[in-house]
Amino acid sequence: MAVLPILRWPDPRLSQACAPAEPGPALEALASDMLATMYHAEGRGLAAPQVGHMVRLFVMDTLWKEAPAAPQVFVNPEILWMAEERVEGPEGCLSIPGARPLVARAPEIRLRWRSLFGAEQEALLTGIDAICAQHEIDHLDGIVTLDRLSPAARDEALREMET
């Protein structure tokens, strides 16, 4: 497993939608490297475009800082349903270090994805898992946290960003 460099905003690749991922050894290696990178950077989630791979893949482990590691890999994820309710909370991003703007997200989503080996998966995600998955899927669609903010909140987040 290798620790990969994480792209920082405003790298233009962070604004591009990703192509479907194809299962195979290369994807397995990428997922392994992404998990190593996420843990090394002390993140809770990481999407493939954040490490320069423009495929629909993300990894997450939302509670590893408080509990034993439980890494998850999501290939070609698709949100099937999301709660109408929105909760607002601070949201960090490894591509926008230092900034933690308030972002409104659905507290529950139904997600469908494939495993690394192509098996279809589906689950109801709640709380931090739902919020993290929405954040990572935004990356796969070429959306960064800054795109979800008002102009004033965006300016504030950019001031907070570590240079």
N, C-alpha and C. Protein backbone atom coordinates (compact mmCIF):
# COMPACT_ATOMS: atom_id res chain seq x y z
N MET A 1 0.85 -1.18 0.00
CA MET A 1 0.00 0.00 0.00
C MET A 1 0.89 1.24 0.00
N ALA A 2 0.53 2.18 -0.85
CA ALA A 2 1.27 3.42 -0.96
C ALA A 2 0.40 4.59 -0.52
N VAL A 3 1.04 5.57 0.07
CA VAL A 3 0.34 6.82 0.39
C VAL A 3 0.47 7.72 -0.84
N LEU A 4 -0.67 8.11 -1.38
CA LEU A 4 -0.72 8.91 -2.60
C LEU A 4 -0.81 10.40 -2.28
N PRO A 5 -0.32 11.26 -3.17
CA PRO A 5 -0.51 12.70 -2.97
C PRO A 5 -1.98 13.06 -3.17
N ILE A 6 -2.47 13.94 -2.32
CA ILE A 6 -3.87 14.39 -2.38
C ILE A 6 -3.91 15.72 -3.13
N LEU A 7 -4.76 15.78 -4.16
CA LEU A 7 -4.94 17.02 -4.92
C LEU A 7 -5.60 18.06 -4.02
N ARG A 8 -5.17 19.30 -4.20
CA ARG A 8 -5.76 20.40 -3.44
C ARG A 8 -6.53 21.32 -4.38
N TRP A 9 -7.63 21.85 -3.87
CA TRP A 9 -8.39 22.83 -4.60
C TRP A 9 -7.49 24.03 -4.83
N PRO A 10 -7.44 24.62 -6.02
CA PRO A 10 -8.38 24.54 -7.14
C PRO A 10 -7.94 23.64 -8.29
N ASP A 11 -7.27 22.53 -8.02
CA ASP A 11 -6.89 21.63 -9.10
C ASP A 11 -8.12 21.34 -9.96
N PRO A 12 -8.05 21.54 -11.28
CA PRO A 12 -9.23 21.39 -12.13
C PRO A 12 -9.83 19.99 -12.15
N ARG A 13 -9.04 18.97 -11.82
CA ARG A 13 -9.59 17.61 -11.78
C ARG A 13 -10.66 17.45 -10.71
N LEU A 14 -10.61 18.29 -9.69
CA LEU A 14 -11.61 18.21 -8.62
C LEU A 14 -12.98 18.72 -9.08
N SER A 15 -13.02 19.35 -10.25
CA SER A 15 -14.28 19.86 -10.79
C SER A 15 -14.80 19.02 -11.96
N GLN A 16 -14.24 17.84 -12.16
CA GLN A 16 -14.64 16.98 -13.27
C GLN A 16 -15.42 15.77 -12.76
N ALA A 17 -16.47 15.42 -13.48
CA ALA A 17 -17.22 14.20 -13.17
C ALA A 17 -16.38 12.99 -13.57
N CYS A 18 -16.54 11.91 -12.83
CA CYS A 18 -15.75 10.70 -13.04
C CYS A 18 -16.47 9.66 -13.89
N ALA A 19 -15.68 8.83 -14.55
CA ALA A 19 -16.19 7.72 -15.35
C ALA A 19 -16.45 6.51 -14.45
N PRO A 20 -17.32 5.60 -14.87
CA PRO A 20 -17.52 4.38 -14.08
C PRO A 20 -16.20 3.63 -13.89
N ALA A 21 -16.08 3.01 -12.72
CA ALA A 21 -14.88 2.21 -12.40
C ALA A 21 -15.09 0.78 -12.87
N GLU A 22 -14.02 0.15 -13.32
CA GLU A 22 -14.06 -1.25 -13.76
C GLU A 22 -13.36 -2.13 -12.73
N PRO A 23 -14.06 -3.15 -12.21
CA PRO A 23 -13.42 -4.06 -11.24
C PRO A 23 -12.19 -4.73 -11.84
N GLY A 24 -11.24 -5.02 -10.99
CA GLY A 24 -10.03 -5.71 -11.42
C GLY A 24 -8.89 -5.40 -10.48
N PRO A 25 -7.74 -6.00 -10.73
CA PRO A 25 -6.58 -5.81 -9.85
C PRO A 25 -6.14 -4.35 -9.70
N ALA A 26 -6.23 -3.57 -10.78
CA ALA A 26 -5.81 -2.16 -10.69
C ALA A 26 -6.72 -1.39 -9.74
N LEU A 27 -8.02 -1.67 -9.79
CA LEU A 27 -8.95 -0.99 -8.90
C LEU A 27 -8.73 -1.42 -7.45
N GLU A 28 -8.45 -2.70 -7.25
CA GLU A 28 -8.17 -3.20 -5.90
C GLU A 28 -6.93 -2.51 -5.33
N ALA A 29 -5.89 -2.36 -6.14
CA ALA A 29 -4.67 -1.69 -5.69
C ALA A 29 -4.94 -0.22 -5.39
N LEU A 30 -5.72 0.44 -6.24
CA LEU A 30 -6.06 1.84 -6.01
C LEU A 30 -6.83 1.98 -4.69
N ALA A 31 -7.81 1.13 -4.46
CA ALA A 31 -8.59 1.21 -3.22
C ALA A 31 -7.69 1.02 -2.00
N SER A 32 -6.78 0.08 -2.08
CA SER A 32 -5.84 -0.16 -0.98
C SER A 32 -4.98 1.07 -0.72
N ASP A 33 -4.45 1.66 -1.80
CA ASP A 33 -3.64 2.87 -1.66
C ASP A 33 -4.47 4.04 -1.12
N MET A 34 -5.72 4.13 -1.55
CA MET A 34 -6.59 5.21 -1.07
C MET A 34 -6.86 5.06 0.43
N LEU A 35 -7.07 3.85 0.89
CA LEU A 35 -7.28 3.65 2.33
C LEU A 35 -6.02 4.05 3.11
N ALA A 36 -4.86 3.64 2.63
CA ALA A 36 -3.62 4.02 3.29
C ALA A 36 -3.47 5.54 3.33
N THR A 37 -3.82 6.18 2.21
CA THR A 37 -3.73 7.64 2.11
C THR A 37 -4.71 8.31 3.06
N MET A 38 -5.95 7.82 3.11
CA MET A 38 -6.97 8.40 3.98
C MET A 38 -6.53 8.32 5.45
N TYR A 39 -6.09 7.14 5.88
CA TYR A 39 -5.66 6.99 7.27
C TYR A 39 -4.44 7.87 7.57
N HIS A 40 -3.49 7.91 6.64
CA HIS A 40 -2.28 8.72 6.83
C HIS A 40 -2.65 10.21 6.99
N ALA A 41 -3.62 10.66 6.21
CA ALA A 41 -4.05 12.07 6.25
C ALA A 41 -5.04 12.34 7.38
N GLU A 42 -5.40 11.29 8.12
CA GLU A 42 -6.35 11.38 9.23
C GLU A 42 -7.73 11.84 8.76
N GLY A 43 -8.13 11.35 7.57
CA GLY A 43 -9.46 11.64 7.06
C GLY A 43 -10.42 10.52 7.38
N ARG A 44 -11.69 10.76 7.05
CA ARG A 44 -12.74 9.77 7.25
C ARG A 44 -13.25 9.22 5.93
N GLY A 45 -12.92 9.90 4.84
CA GLY A 45 -13.33 9.46 3.51
C GLY A 45 -12.38 10.04 2.47
N LEU A 46 -12.31 9.38 1.32
CA LEU A 46 -11.45 9.85 0.24
C LEU A 46 -12.02 9.31 -1.07
N ALA A 47 -12.14 10.20 -2.05
CA ALA A 47 -12.64 9.83 -3.37
C ALA A 47 -11.48 9.76 -4.36
N ALA A 48 -11.62 8.88 -5.33
CA ALA A 48 -10.55 8.66 -6.32
C ALA A 48 -10.07 9.95 -7.00
N PRO A 49 -10.95 10.88 -7.38
CA PRO A 49 -10.42 12.08 -8.04
C PRO A 49 -9.52 12.92 -7.13
N GLN A 50 -9.64 12.75 -5.82
CA GLN A 50 -8.77 13.50 -4.90
C GLN A 50 -7.33 13.02 -4.97
N VAL A 51 -7.12 11.84 -5.54
CA VAL A 51 -5.76 11.35 -5.75
C VAL A 51 -5.45 11.22 -7.24
N GLY A 52 -6.23 11.93 -8.06
CA GLY A 52 -5.94 12.02 -9.49
C GLY A 52 -6.46 10.89 -10.36
N HIS A 53 -7.32 10.03 -9.82
CA HIS A 53 -7.90 8.94 -10.60
C HIS A 53 -9.37 9.26 -10.85
N MET A 54 -9.73 9.44 -12.09
CA MET A 54 -11.06 9.96 -12.44
C MET A 54 -12.07 8.83 -12.65
N VAL A 55 -12.22 8.00 -11.61
CA VAL A 55 -13.17 6.90 -11.64
C VAL A 55 -14.07 6.99 -10.41
N ARG A 56 -15.25 6.36 -10.53
CA ARG A 56 -16.27 6.43 -9.47
C ARG A 56 -15.96 5.40 -8.38
N LEU A 57 -15.09 5.80 -7.49
CA LEU A 57 -14.64 4.97 -6.38
C LEU A 57 -14.38 5.88 -5.19
N PHE A 58 -14.89 5.47 -4.01
CA PHE A 58 -14.48 6.16 -2.80
C PHE A 58 -14.34 5.16 -1.67
N VAL A 59 -13.56 5.56 -0.68
CA VAL A 59 -13.35 4.76 0.52
C VAL A 59 -13.76 5.61 1.72
N MET A 60 -14.19 4.93 2.79
CA MET A 60 -14.47 5.67 4.01
C MET A 60 -14.38 4.75 5.22
N ASP A 61 -14.12 5.38 6.34
CA ASP A 61 -14.11 4.75 7.65
C ASP A 61 -14.40 5.87 8.62
N THR A 62 -15.66 6.07 8.90
CA THR A 62 -16.08 7.27 9.62
C THR A 62 -15.75 7.26 11.11
N LEU A 63 -15.59 6.10 11.71
CA LEU A 63 -15.40 6.05 13.16
C LEU A 63 -14.03 5.53 13.58
N TRP A 64 -13.07 5.40 12.66
CA TRP A 64 -11.79 4.78 12.99
C TRP A 64 -11.02 5.54 14.07
N LYS A 65 -11.32 6.81 14.26
CA LYS A 65 -10.61 7.58 15.29
C LYS A 65 -11.13 7.25 16.69
N GLU A 66 -12.38 6.72 16.77
CA GLU A 66 -13.00 6.40 18.05
C GLU A 66 -13.17 4.90 18.29
N ALA A 67 -12.98 4.10 17.27
CA ALA A 67 -13.24 2.65 17.36
C ALA A 67 -12.25 1.93 16.44
N PRO A 68 -12.23 0.60 16.50
CA PRO A 68 -11.35 -0.13 15.58
C PRO A 68 -11.66 0.21 14.12
N ALA A 69 -10.63 0.20 13.30
CA ALA A 69 -10.80 0.50 11.88
C ALA A 69 -11.81 -0.44 11.24
N ALA A 70 -12.67 0.13 10.39
CA ALA A 70 -13.67 -0.64 9.65
C ALA A 70 -13.77 -0.05 8.24
N PRO A 71 -12.71 -0.24 7.43
CA PRO A 71 -12.69 0.38 6.11
C PRO A 71 -13.78 -0.15 5.19
N GLN A 72 -14.33 0.77 4.38
CA GLN A 72 -15.36 0.43 3.40
C GLN A 72 -14.93 0.96 2.04
N VAL A 73 -15.26 0.22 0.99
CA VAL A 73 -14.92 0.59 -0.39
C VAL A 73 -16.22 0.61 -1.19
N PHE A 74 -16.43 1.68 -1.94
CA PHE A 74 -17.66 1.87 -2.72
C PHE A 74 -17.30 2.10 -4.18
N VAL A 75 -17.69 1.18 -5.03
CA VAL A 75 -17.43 1.26 -6.47
C VAL A 75 -18.74 1.64 -7.16
N ASN A 76 -18.68 2.66 -8.00
CA ASN A 76 -19.84 3.14 -8.77
C ASN A 76 -21.07 3.35 -7.87
N PRO A 77 -20.91 4.15 -6.79
CA PRO A 77 -22.04 4.38 -5.88
C PRO A 77 -23.13 5.24 -6.52
N GLU A 78 -24.35 5.00 -6.06
CA GLU A 78 -25.51 5.74 -6.56
C GLU A 78 -26.47 5.94 -5.39
N ILE A 79 -26.85 7.19 -5.15
CA ILE A 79 -27.84 7.47 -4.12
C ILE A 79 -29.21 7.18 -4.71
N LEU A 80 -29.93 6.25 -4.10
CA LEU A 80 -31.27 5.87 -4.57
C LEU A 80 -32.35 6.74 -3.94
N TRP A 81 -32.11 7.17 -2.72
CA TRP A 81 -33.09 7.96 -1.97
C TRP A 81 -32.34 8.76 -0.92
N MET A 82 -32.86 9.95 -0.61
CA MET A 82 -32.34 10.70 0.52
C MET A 82 -33.49 11.37 1.25
N ALA A 83 -33.33 11.47 2.56
CA ALA A 83 -34.34 12.12 3.39
C ALA A 83 -34.51 13.57 2.94
N GLU A 84 -35.72 14.08 3.08
CA GLU A 84 -35.96 15.49 2.75
C GLU A 84 -35.33 16.42 3.76
N GLU A 85 -35.25 15.97 4.99
CA GLU A 85 -34.65 16.76 6.07
C GLU A 85 -33.19 17.05 5.76
N ARG A 86 -32.69 18.19 6.24
CA ARG A 86 -31.28 18.54 6.12
C ARG A 86 -30.76 18.91 7.50
N VAL A 87 -29.54 18.48 7.78
CA VAL A 87 -28.86 18.86 9.00
C VAL A 87 -27.59 19.60 8.58
N GLU A 88 -27.27 20.64 9.32
CA GLU A 88 -26.11 21.44 8.98
C GLU A 88 -25.01 21.16 10.00
N GLY A 89 -23.81 20.93 9.50
CA GLY A 89 -22.69 20.68 10.38
C GLY A 89 -21.39 21.01 9.70
N PRO A 90 -20.31 21.15 10.49
CA PRO A 90 -19.00 21.45 9.91
C PRO A 90 -18.50 20.26 9.11
N GLU A 91 -17.93 20.56 7.97
CA GLU A 91 -17.48 19.50 7.06
C GLU A 91 -16.07 19.80 6.57
N GLY A 92 -15.16 18.90 6.86
CA GLY A 92 -13.80 19.05 6.39
C GLY A 92 -13.60 18.31 5.08
N CYS A 93 -12.50 18.63 4.41
CA CYS A 93 -12.17 17.97 3.14
C CYS A 93 -10.65 17.93 3.01
N LEU A 94 -10.12 16.75 2.71
CA LEU A 94 -8.67 16.61 2.57
C LEU A 94 -8.11 17.43 1.42
N SER A 95 -8.95 17.82 0.47
CA SER A 95 -8.51 18.65 -0.66
C SER A 95 -8.62 20.14 -0.37
N ILE A 96 -9.24 20.47 0.77
CA ILE A 96 -9.38 21.87 1.19
C ILE A 96 -8.99 21.93 2.67
N PRO A 97 -7.72 21.61 2.97
CA PRO A 97 -7.31 21.47 4.37
C PRO A 97 -7.47 22.76 5.17
N GLY A 98 -7.90 22.59 6.41
CA GLY A 98 -8.07 23.72 7.32
C GLY A 98 -9.45 24.32 7.32
N ALA A 99 -10.18 24.22 6.23
CA ALA A 99 -11.53 24.78 6.14
C ALA A 99 -12.54 23.76 6.67
N ARG A 100 -13.48 24.22 7.48
CA ARG A 100 -14.55 23.37 8.00
C ARG A 100 -15.87 24.13 7.95
N PRO A 101 -16.33 24.47 6.74
CA PRO A 101 -17.58 25.23 6.63
C PRO A 101 -18.79 24.40 7.03
N LEU A 102 -19.87 25.09 7.36
CA LEU A 102 -21.14 24.42 7.65
C LEU A 102 -21.79 24.05 6.33
N VAL A 103 -22.18 22.77 6.20
CA VAL A 103 -22.81 22.26 4.99
C VAL A 103 -24.08 21.52 5.40
N ALA A 104 -25.16 21.73 4.65
CA ALA A 104 -26.42 21.04 4.92
C ALA A 104 -26.48 19.75 4.09
N ARG A 105 -26.74 18.63 4.77
CA ARG A 105 -26.82 17.32 4.12
C ARG A 105 -28.00 16.54 4.67
N ALA A 106 -28.46 15.57 3.91
CA ALA A 106 -29.51 14.66 4.37
C ALA A 106 -28.91 13.72 5.42
N PRO A 107 -29.62 13.51 6.54
CA PRO A 107 -29.09 12.63 7.58
C PRO A 107 -29.28 11.14 7.29
N GLU A 108 -30.03 10.82 6.22
CA GLU A 108 -30.25 9.42 5.82
C GLU A 108 -30.27 9.33 4.31
N ILE A 109 -29.60 8.30 3.80
CA ILE A 109 -29.65 8.03 2.35
C ILE A 109 -29.71 6.51 2.14
N ARG A 110 -30.27 6.11 1.03
CA ARG A 110 -30.18 4.72 0.60
C ARG A 110 -29.17 4.71 -0.54
N LEU A 111 -28.13 3.89 -0.38
CA LEU A 111 -27.02 3.87 -1.32
C LEU A 111 -26.90 2.49 -1.96
N ARG A 112 -26.64 2.48 -3.26
CA ARG A 112 -26.33 1.24 -4.00
C ARG A 112 -24.92 1.42 -4.56
N TRP A 113 -24.12 0.36 -4.50
CA TRP A 113 -22.77 0.38 -5.03
C TRP A 113 -22.35 -1.04 -5.35
N ARG A 114 -21.18 -1.18 -5.90
CA ARG A 114 -20.58 -2.49 -6.17
C ARG A 114 -19.38 -2.67 -5.26
N SER A 115 -19.12 -3.92 -4.91
CA SER A 115 -17.90 -4.23 -4.17
C SER A 115 -16.73 -4.21 -5.16
N LEU A 116 -15.53 -4.35 -4.64
CA LEU A 116 -14.35 -4.42 -5.51
C LEU A 116 -14.42 -5.59 -6.47
N PHE A 117 -15.22 -6.59 -6.15
CA PHE A 117 -15.31 -7.79 -6.97
C PHE A 117 -16.58 -7.83 -7.82
N GLY A 118 -17.32 -6.69 -7.84
CA GLY A 118 -18.47 -6.56 -8.71
C GLY A 118 -19.81 -6.91 -8.10
N ALA A 119 -19.85 -7.36 -6.85
CA ALA A 119 -21.13 -7.72 -6.22
C ALA A 119 -21.92 -6.47 -5.87
N GLU A 120 -23.21 -6.48 -6.24
CA GLU A 120 -24.05 -5.33 -5.93
C GLU A 120 -24.37 -5.29 -4.44
N GLN A 121 -24.30 -4.09 -3.87
CA GLN A 121 -24.55 -3.86 -2.46
C GLN A 121 -25.60 -2.74 -2.35
N GLU A 122 -26.33 -2.75 -1.26
CA GLU A 122 -27.29 -1.67 -1.00
C GLU A 122 -27.47 -1.56 0.50
N ALA A 123 -27.55 -0.31 1.01
CA ALA A 123 -27.72 -0.10 2.45
C ALA A 123 -28.32 1.26 2.71
N LEU A 124 -28.98 1.35 3.85
CA LEU A 124 -29.44 2.63 4.38
C LEU A 124 -28.32 3.16 5.25
N LEU A 125 -27.81 4.34 4.91
CA LEU A 125 -26.76 4.97 5.69
C LEU A 125 -27.37 6.12 6.48
N THR A 126 -26.94 6.26 7.72
CA THR A 126 -27.46 7.32 8.58
C THR A 126 -26.31 8.09 9.21
N GLY A 127 -26.64 9.28 9.72
CA GLY A 127 -25.67 10.07 10.47
C GLY A 127 -24.41 10.36 9.69
N ILE A 128 -23.26 10.20 10.37
CA ILE A 128 -21.98 10.55 9.76
C ILE A 128 -21.69 9.71 8.51
N ASP A 129 -22.15 8.45 8.48
CA ASP A 129 -21.95 7.63 7.28
C ASP A 129 -22.68 8.24 6.08
N ALA A 130 -23.92 8.67 6.28
CA ALA A 130 -24.69 9.28 5.19
C ALA A 130 -24.05 10.59 4.73
N ILE A 131 -23.61 11.39 5.68
CA ILE A 131 -23.01 12.68 5.34
C ILE A 131 -21.69 12.49 4.61
N CYS A 132 -20.86 11.59 5.10
CA CYS A 132 -19.57 11.33 4.45
C CYS A 132 -19.78 10.79 3.04
N ALA A 133 -20.71 9.85 2.87
CA ALA A 133 -20.96 9.29 1.53
C ALA A 133 -21.42 10.38 0.56
N GLN A 134 -22.29 11.29 1.01
CA GLN A 134 -22.74 12.37 0.14
C GLN A 134 -21.56 13.26 -0.27
N HIS A 135 -20.69 13.55 0.68
CA HIS A 135 -19.50 14.38 0.40
C HIS A 135 -18.62 13.70 -0.66
N GLU A 136 -18.37 12.40 -0.49
CA GLU A 136 -17.50 11.69 -1.43
C GLU A 136 -18.15 11.54 -2.80
N ILE A 137 -19.46 11.30 -2.84
CA ILE A 137 -20.15 11.21 -4.13
C ILE A 137 -20.13 12.57 -4.83
N ASP A 138 -20.22 13.66 -4.07
CA ASP A 138 -20.03 14.98 -4.67
C ASP A 138 -18.71 15.03 -5.43
N HIS A 139 -17.63 14.54 -4.81
CA HIS A 139 -16.33 14.53 -5.49
C HIS A 139 -16.41 13.76 -6.80
N LEU A 140 -17.10 12.64 -6.81
CA LEU A 140 -17.22 11.83 -8.03
C LEU A 140 -17.99 12.57 -9.12
N ASP A 141 -18.84 13.52 -8.70
CA ASP A 141 -19.62 14.32 -9.65
C ASP A 141 -18.96 15.66 -9.97
N GLY A 142 -17.74 15.88 -9.48
CA GLY A 142 -17.03 17.13 -9.76
C GLY A 142 -17.47 18.29 -8.89
N ILE A 143 -18.02 17.99 -7.73
CA ILE A 143 -18.51 19.03 -6.81
C ILE A 143 -17.63 19.00 -5.56
N VAL A 144 -17.15 20.17 -5.15
CA VAL A 144 -16.41 20.28 -3.88
C VAL A 144 -17.28 21.03 -2.88
N THR A 145 -16.93 20.91 -1.62
CA THR A 145 -17.69 21.55 -0.55
C THR A 145 -17.93 23.03 -0.85
N LEU A 146 -16.92 23.70 -1.39
CA LEU A 146 -17.05 25.13 -1.68
C LEU A 146 -18.22 25.42 -2.61
N ASP A 147 -18.55 24.48 -3.49
CA ASP A 147 -19.66 24.68 -4.43
C ASP A 147 -21.02 24.67 -3.74
N ARG A 148 -21.09 24.19 -2.51
CA ARG A 148 -22.35 24.10 -1.77
C ARG A 148 -22.55 25.28 -0.83
N LEU A 149 -21.66 26.28 -0.89
CA LEU A 149 -21.70 27.39 0.05
C LEU A 149 -22.18 28.69 -0.60
N SER A 150 -22.69 29.58 0.23
CA SER A 150 -23.00 30.93 -0.24
C SER A 150 -21.68 31.62 -0.56
N PRO A 151 -21.72 32.71 -1.33
CA PRO A 151 -20.46 33.42 -1.63
C PRO A 151 -19.71 33.85 -0.36
N ALA A 152 -20.41 34.33 0.64
CA ALA A 152 -19.74 34.77 1.88
C ALA A 152 -19.12 33.59 2.61
N ALA A 153 -19.84 32.48 2.71
CA ALA A 153 -19.30 31.29 3.39
C ALA A 153 -18.13 30.71 2.61
N ARG A 154 -18.20 30.78 1.30
CA ARG A 154 -17.09 30.29 0.46
C ARG A 154 -15.83 31.13 0.70
N ASP A 155 -16.00 32.45 0.74
CA ASP A 155 -14.86 33.33 1.00
C ASP A 155 -14.24 33.02 2.36
N GLU A 156 -15.08 32.80 3.37
CA GLU A 156 -14.60 32.47 4.71
C GLU A 156 -13.84 31.14 4.69
N ALA A 157 -14.37 30.14 4.01
CA ALA A 157 -13.71 28.83 3.93
C ALA A 157 -12.35 28.96 3.24
N LEU A 158 -12.27 29.77 2.20
CA LEU A 158 -11.00 29.96 1.51
C LEU A 158 -9.98 30.66 2.40
N ARG A 159 -10.44 31.57 3.27
CA ARG A 159 -9.53 32.21 4.21
C ARG A 159 -9.00 31.20 5.24
N GLU A 160 -9.85 30.22 5.59
CA GLU A 160 -9.45 29.20 6.57
C GLU A 160 -8.53 28.14 5.98
N MET A 161 -8.55 27.99 4.66
CA MET A 161 -7.78 26.94 4.00
C MET A 161 -6.29 27.13 4.27
N GLU A 162 -5.64 26.02 4.63
CA GLU A 162 -4.19 26.05 4.89
C GLU A 162 -3.47 26.22 3.57
N THR A 163 -2.52 27.12 3.56
CA THR A 163 -1.75 27.36 2.33
C THR A 163 -0.45 26.61 2.35
